[in-house]
Amino acid sequence: MEYLDEAKVRSLLTWEALIPAVERALIGLSAGKIQQPVRSVLRVPEHEGFFALMPAVDGELMGVKLVTFYEKNVDQPTHQAVIQLLSAKTGEPLLAMDGRLITEMRTAAASALAVRLFAPKDARVLAILGSGVQARSHLQALRLVRDFAEDRVWSRTREHAERFAEEFGATAVESAEAAVRNADVVVGVASTREPLVRGAWLRENALVCAVAAVTPDRRELDDAAMQAAVVVESREAALRESGDVIGSRSPIYAEIGEVLAGALPAPAGRVVFKSLGVAAADLAAAGVVWRAWRNRANSYNKSN
């Protein structure tokens, strides 16, 4: 059985294929057509790490992602992962692949769907809190679904924000508040334990894509920011894993798959898309890679 490293995954995974695949997966998850338990998480306290197991079954494919989060990593990525695909029909292992890039890209793909659905139609200003790999992927994905006139970026390290701004044609700002005020879309991808986004800074009809805090003991939005229509990937996961949802006690308006399917309308006013990442999206992304790899192998065999 072949293993695809990150370089091979990158050569096979495109935004054009990924975003609709994640859309189908989120619709299927909300419709009950994809089996997916809430992820199992083991803490590794001696190294301040997390190790999580994320399985899912969807049609002909099933898979599991083994993912780690080591926030203090310096010489290694903070998130690392491996995905194993299997046949749902026979249980046969099909393909193993690096999952770091898939985690990065499927997260941004879900946010792109949220922007397409919930961002104000005349949205012109995008604010990104953070300047790492998720910030880069989010800007790439969001530019595919909306044309912003101004892209702002803030980072705790000014040099990082300026480097990001220069690379992507964005504007580096001095504070999180300066980024958020009067922004139409706010993307939170800066690792944090305490709220970075204050409701007092937000426009009444802003969309907030909150991606950075994914455990019950972490917040990235204060209670005022959570006074919005809250949309999640999975109600079950959000009620168990999201410190923002649990701590604010804000009701969940919908799963994004319900809105994508037309089962519920897009809400008016401010929307918070609280994204935790789900195995269904990982499986969808891995399926895109598997099919592209299989097609490439078949083409090579025919030409030889």
Protein backbone atom coordinates (compact mmCIF):
# COMPACT_ATOMS: atom_id res chain seq x y z
CA MET A 1 0.00 0.00 0.00
CA GLU A 2 1.40 3.35 -1.04
CA TYR A 3 1.92 6.32 1.29
CA LEU A 4 1.61 9.83 -0.14
CA ASP A 5 3.78 12.45 1.53
CA GLU A 6 2.75 16.10 1.72
CA ALA A 7 4.37 17.01 -1.59
CA LYS A 8 2.36 14.32 -3.39
CA VAL A 9 -0.85 15.33 -1.62
CA ARG A 10 -0.25 18.96 -2.65
CA SER A 11 0.15 17.92 -6.28
CA LEU A 12 -3.21 16.13 -6.23
CA LEU A 13 -5.42 18.42 -4.13
CA THR A 14 -6.87 21.58 -5.70
CA TRP A 15 -9.24 24.18 -4.29
CA GLU A 16 -11.50 23.72 -7.30
CA ALA A 17 -12.04 20.06 -6.40
CA LEU A 18 -11.85 20.43 -2.62
CA ILE A 19 -14.44 23.13 -1.92
CA PRO A 20 -17.36 21.32 -3.62
CA ALA A 21 -16.24 18.02 -2.04
CA VAL A 22 -16.34 19.59 1.44
CA GLU A 23 -19.73 21.11 0.61
CA ARG A 24 -21.13 17.69 -0.29
CA ALA A 25 -19.64 16.19 2.88
CA LEU A 26 -21.13 18.84 5.17
CA ILE A 27 -24.55 18.38 3.56
CA GLY A 28 -24.23 14.62 3.93
CA LEU A 29 -23.16 14.92 7.57
CA SER A 30 -26.16 17.05 8.50
CA ALA A 31 -28.48 14.72 6.56
CA GLY A 32 -27.22 11.69 8.50
CA LYS A 33 -25.69 10.07 5.42
CA ILE A 34 -22.16 10.13 6.81
CA GLN A 35 -21.25 8.24 9.98
CA GLN A 36 -18.95 10.24 12.21
CA PRO A 37 -18.49 10.17 15.98
CA VAL A 38 -17.11 13.15 17.85
CA ARG A 39 -13.33 12.90 17.81
CA SER A 40 -11.56 11.07 20.62
CA VAL A 41 -8.82 13.16 22.20
CA LEU A 42 -5.95 12.07 24.41
CA ARG A 43 -3.91 14.72 26.18
CA VAL A 44 -0.15 14.34 26.38
CA PRO A 45 0.40 16.63 29.40
CA GLU A 46 4.12 16.04 29.81
CA HIS A 47 4.67 17.56 26.35
CA GLU A 48 1.62 19.87 26.32
CA GLY A 49 0.20 18.02 23.33
CA PHE A 50 -3.02 16.51 22.06
CA PHE A 51 -3.54 13.29 20.07
CA ALA A 52 -6.91 12.83 18.38
CA LEU A 53 -8.67 10.07 16.42
CA MET A 54 -11.21 11.12 13.73
CA PRO A 55 -13.01 8.30 11.83
CA ALA A 56 -15.80 8.60 9.28
CA VAL A 57 -17.68 6.45 6.77
CA ASP A 58 -19.14 7.91 3.56
CA GLY A 59 -20.43 5.70 0.75
CA GLU A 60 -17.62 3.64 -0.77
CA LEU A 61 -14.93 5.12 1.46
CA MET A 62 -14.11 5.10 5.11
CA GLY A 63 -11.10 6.56 6.79
CA VAL A 64 -9.48 7.74 9.96
CA LYS A 65 -7.28 10.73 10.66
CA LEU A 66 -4.70 10.55 13.41
CA VAL A 67 -3.87 14.14 14.26
CA THR A 68 -1.62 15.79 16.82
CA PHE A 69 -1.55 19.35 18.12
CA TYR A 70 1.63 20.54 19.83
CA GLU A 71 1.18 24.27 20.31
CA LYS A 72 4.79 24.92 21.39
CA ASN A 73 6.44 23.23 18.41
CA VAL A 74 9.14 25.38 16.87
CA ASP A 75 10.98 23.13 14.41
CA GLN A 76 7.87 21.08 13.54
CA PRO A 77 4.34 22.16 12.52
CA THR A 78 1.95 22.56 15.44
CA HIS A 79 -0.56 20.29 13.65
CA GLN A 80 0.56 17.00 12.11
CA ALA A 81 -1.58 14.17 10.82
CA VAL A 82 -1.83 10.89 8.93
CA ILE A 83 -4.97 9.70 7.12
CA GLN A 84 -5.71 6.06 6.30
CA LEU A 85 -8.35 5.35 3.64
CA LEU A 86 -10.18 2.02 3.43
CA SER A 87 -12.90 0.46 1.31
CA ALA A 88 -16.25 0.66 3.11
CA LYS A 89 -17.40 -2.38 1.11
CA THR A 90 -14.59 -4.78 1.99
CA GLY A 91 -12.58 -3.08 4.73
CA GLU A 92 -9.49 -3.24 2.50
CA PRO A 93 -6.84 -0.57 3.16
CA LEU A 94 -6.57 1.59 0.03
CA LEU A 95 -4.11 4.42 0.59
CA ALA A 96 -2.33 6.24 3.39
CA MET A 97 -1.36 9.89 3.15
CA ASP A 98 0.02 12.80 5.08
CA GLY A 99 -2.86 14.75 6.60
CA ARG A 100 -1.27 18.05 7.63
CA LEU A 101 -2.05 19.85 4.37
CA ILE A 102 -5.51 18.28 4.20
CA THR A 103 -6.27 19.60 7.70
CA GLU A 104 -5.11 23.05 6.66
CA MET A 105 -7.01 23.16 3.37
CA ARG A 106 -10.30 21.54 4.39
CA THR A 107 -10.56 24.03 7.27
CA ALA A 108 -10.21 26.96 4.87
CA ALA A 109 -12.61 25.32 2.42
CA ALA A 110 -15.33 25.19 5.10
CA SER A 111 -14.75 28.87 5.89
CA ALA A 112 -14.99 29.69 2.18
CA LEU A 113 -18.41 28.04 2.11
CA ALA A 114 -19.44 30.11 5.14
CA VAL A 115 -18.29 33.31 3.42
CA ARG A 116 -20.23 32.38 0.30
CA LEU A 117 -23.38 31.82 2.39
CA PHE A 118 -23.22 34.39 5.18
CA ALA A 119 -20.94 37.30 4.29
CA PRO A 120 -22.74 40.55 3.44
CA LYS A 121 -23.33 40.77 -0.30
CA ASP A 122 -21.42 44.06 -0.43
CA ALA A 123 -18.56 42.79 1.78
CA ARG A 124 -15.37 44.71 1.02
CA VAL A 125 -13.09 44.34 4.06
CA LEU A 126 -11.56 41.07 5.27
CA ALA A 127 -9.71 40.87 8.60
CA ILE A 128 -7.46 37.92 9.41
CA LEU A 129 -6.16 37.43 12.95
CA GLY A 130 -3.03 35.31 12.59
CA SER A 131 -0.32 34.98 9.95
CA GLY A 132 0.53 31.26 9.85
CA VAL A 133 -0.43 28.44 7.51
CA GLN A 134 -4.16 28.74 8.24
CA ALA A 135 -4.07 32.45 7.48
CA ARG A 136 -2.46 31.73 4.12
CA SER A 137 -4.90 28.99 3.18
CA HIS A 138 -7.88 31.05 4.27
CA LEU A 139 -6.87 34.02 2.18
CA GLN A 140 -6.36 31.77 -0.86
CA ALA A 141 -9.70 30.02 -0.40
CA LEU A 142 -11.73 33.12 0.44
CA ARG A 143 -10.44 34.97 -2.61
CA LEU A 144 -12.05 32.24 -4.72
CA VAL A 145 -15.54 33.01 -3.40
CA ARG A 146 -15.46 36.77 -2.73
CA ASP A 147 -13.61 39.78 -4.08
CA PHE A 148 -12.46 41.93 -1.16
CA ALA A 149 -11.19 45.47 -1.65
CA GLU A 150 -9.04 45.34 1.50
CA ASP A 151 -7.36 42.44 3.28
CA ARG A 152 -6.10 43.24 6.78
CA VAL A 153 -3.81 41.01 8.79
CA TRP A 154 -2.80 41.14 12.44
CA SER A 155 -0.29 38.95 14.24
CA ARG A 156 1.21 39.02 17.72
CA THR A 157 4.56 39.30 15.95
CA ARG A 158 4.55 42.45 13.83
CA GLU A 159 7.30 41.09 11.56
CA HIS A 160 5.16 38.08 10.70
CA ALA A 161 2.18 40.27 9.83
CA GLU A 162 4.33 42.47 7.60
CA ARG A 163 5.84 39.46 5.84
CA PHE A 164 2.35 38.04 5.23
CA ALA A 165 1.10 41.41 3.99
CA GLU A 166 3.97 41.76 1.56
CA GLU A 167 3.51 38.22 0.23
CA PHE A 168 -0.24 38.48 -0.32
CA GLY A 169 -0.82 42.16 -0.97
CA ALA A 170 -2.58 42.69 2.37
CA THR A 171 -2.33 45.46 4.96
CA ALA A 172 -0.60 44.77 8.29
CA VAL A 173 -2.31 46.47 11.25
CA GLU A 174 -1.15 47.17 14.79
CA SER A 175 -3.86 45.46 16.83
CA ALA A 176 -6.64 42.91 16.70
CA GLU A 177 -9.11 45.73 17.28
CA ALA A 178 -7.75 47.71 14.32
CA ALA A 179 -8.19 44.64 12.13
CA VAL A 180 -11.73 43.85 13.28
CA ARG A 181 -13.37 47.29 13.42
CA ASN A 182 -15.55 47.93 10.33
CA ALA A 183 -14.51 44.60 8.76
CA ASP A 184 -17.23 42.68 6.94
CA VAL A 185 -15.59 39.29 7.43
CA VAL A 186 -13.35 38.38 10.37
CA VAL A 187 -11.28 35.19 10.34
CA GLY A 188 -9.72 34.05 13.61
CA VAL A 189 -6.80 31.68 13.07
CA ALA A 190 -4.41 32.87 15.80
CA SER A 191 -3.87 30.26 18.50
CA THR A 192 -5.36 31.58 21.73
CA ARG A 193 -6.78 30.56 25.08
CA GLU A 194 -8.62 33.82 25.81
CA PRO A 195 -10.94 35.87 23.57
CA LEU A 196 -9.22 37.90 20.88
CA VAL A 197 -12.41 39.21 19.26
CA ARG A 198 -14.72 41.53 21.17
CA GLY A 199 -18.33 41.97 20.19
CA ALA A 200 -17.99 45.73 20.73
CA TRP A 201 -15.63 45.86 17.75
CA LEU A 202 -17.88 44.01 15.32
CA ARG A 203 -20.24 45.38 12.70
CA GLU A 204 -23.89 44.41 13.18
CA ASN A 205 -23.91 42.25 10.05
CA ALA A 206 -20.34 40.94 10.17
CA LEU A 207 -19.46 37.31 9.56
CA VAL A 208 -16.93 35.83 11.99
CA CYS A 209 -15.20 32.59 11.01
CA ALA A 210 -13.83 31.39 14.35
CA VAL A 211 -11.29 28.63 13.75
CA ALA A 212 -8.60 29.07 16.40
CA ALA A 213 -10.09 27.66 19.63
CA VAL A 214 -11.14 24.01 19.33
CA THR A 215 -11.22 22.69 22.91
CA PRO A 216 -13.76 23.21 25.72
CA ASP A 217 -11.30 25.22 27.83
CA ARG A 218 -10.39 27.80 25.15
CA ARG A 219 -12.21 30.88 23.87
CA GLU A 220 -11.51 33.18 20.92
CA LEU A 221 -14.73 35.24 21.04
CA ASP A 222 -16.18 37.05 24.05
CA ASP A 223 -19.83 36.68 25.05
CA ALA A 224 -20.81 39.85 23.18
CA ALA A 225 -19.29 38.51 19.95
CA MET A 226 -21.24 35.28 20.43
CA GLN A 227 -24.53 37.22 20.47
CA ALA A 228 -25.11 36.19 16.87
CA ALA A 229 -26.60 33.44 14.76
CA VAL A 230 -24.16 30.63 15.56
CA VAL A 231 -23.52 28.11 12.78
CA VAL A 232 -21.39 25.00 13.27
CA GLU A 233 -20.32 21.93 11.31
CA SER A 234 -21.74 19.52 13.91
CA ARG A 235 -24.03 20.37 16.82
CA GLU A 236 -22.86 17.34 18.75
CA ALA A 237 -19.19 18.29 18.36
CA ALA A 238 -19.75 21.97 19.15
CA LEU A 239 -21.66 21.23 22.35
CA ARG A 240 -18.83 19.00 23.55
CA GLU A 241 -15.72 20.69 22.16
CA SER A 242 -16.25 24.42 21.67
CA GLY A 243 -15.33 26.65 24.59
CA ASP A 244 -16.99 29.56 22.78
CA VAL A 245 -20.34 27.75 22.53
CA ILE A 246 -20.16 26.13 25.96
CA GLY A 247 -18.89 29.20 27.79
CA SER A 248 -21.27 31.72 26.21
CA ARG A 249 -24.26 29.35 26.29
CA SER A 250 -25.23 30.76 22.92
CA PRO A 251 -27.86 28.70 21.06
CA ILE A 252 -26.81 27.05 17.82
CA TYR A 253 -28.87 28.29 14.89
CA ALA A 254 -27.86 25.60 12.39
CA GLU A 255 -25.29 23.22 11.06
CA ILE A 256 -23.78 24.70 7.92
CA GLY A 257 -24.79 21.58 5.99
CA GLU A 258 -28.45 22.38 6.73
CA VAL A 259 -28.09 25.84 5.19
CA LEU A 260 -26.09 24.53 2.23
CA ALA A 261 -28.86 22.02 1.54
CA GLY A 262 -31.57 24.68 1.78
CA ALA A 263 -33.19 23.05 4.82
CA LEU A 264 -32.73 26.29 6.77
CA PRO A 265 -32.35 29.84 5.44
CA ALA A 266 -29.19 31.87 5.90
CA PRO A 267 -29.77 34.04 8.98
CA ALA A 268 -29.89 37.82 8.87
CA GLY A 269 -27.51 39.99 10.86
CA ARG A 270 -24.27 38.92 12.49
CA VAL A 271 -23.21 35.30 11.99
CA VAL A 272 -20.55 33.34 13.83
CA PHE A 273 -19.32 30.27 11.98
CA LYS A 274 -17.68 28.28 14.78
CA SER A 275 -15.48 25.77 12.97
CA LEU A 276 -13.92 22.86 14.84
CA GLY A 277 -13.07 20.62 11.89
CA VAL A 278 -14.87 17.35 11.25
CA ALA A 279 -13.80 13.92 10.04
CA ALA A 280 -16.37 14.06 7.22
CA ALA A 281 -14.42 16.94 5.64
CA ASP A 282 -11.11 15.14 6.11
CA LEU A 283 -12.55 12.07 4.41
CA ALA A 284 -13.90 14.18 1.55
CA ALA A 285 -10.48 15.78 1.01
CA ALA A 286 -8.70 12.43 1.21
CA GLY A 287 -11.20 11.07 -1.30
CA VAL A 288 -10.30 13.86 -3.73
CA VAL A 289 -6.63 12.90 -3.34
CA TRP A 290 -7.34 9.17 -3.72
CA ARG A 291 -9.36 9.59 -6.91
CA ALA A 292 -6.78 11.92 -8.44
CA TRP A 293 -3.98 9.50 -7.49
CA ARG A 294 -5.92 6.57 -8.97
CA ASN A 295 -6.62 8.48 -12.20
CA ARG A 296 -2.97 9.49 -12.50
CA ALA A 297 -1.84 5.89 -11.94
CA ASN A 298 -4.34 4.60 -14.53
CA SER A 299 -3.17 7.18 -17.07
CA TYR A 300 0.45 6.23 -16.47
CA ASN A 301 -0.31 2.52 -16.89
CA LYS A 302 -2.19 3.12 -20.15
CA SER A 303 0.63 5.21 -21.59
CA ASN A 304 3.18 2.50 -20.76
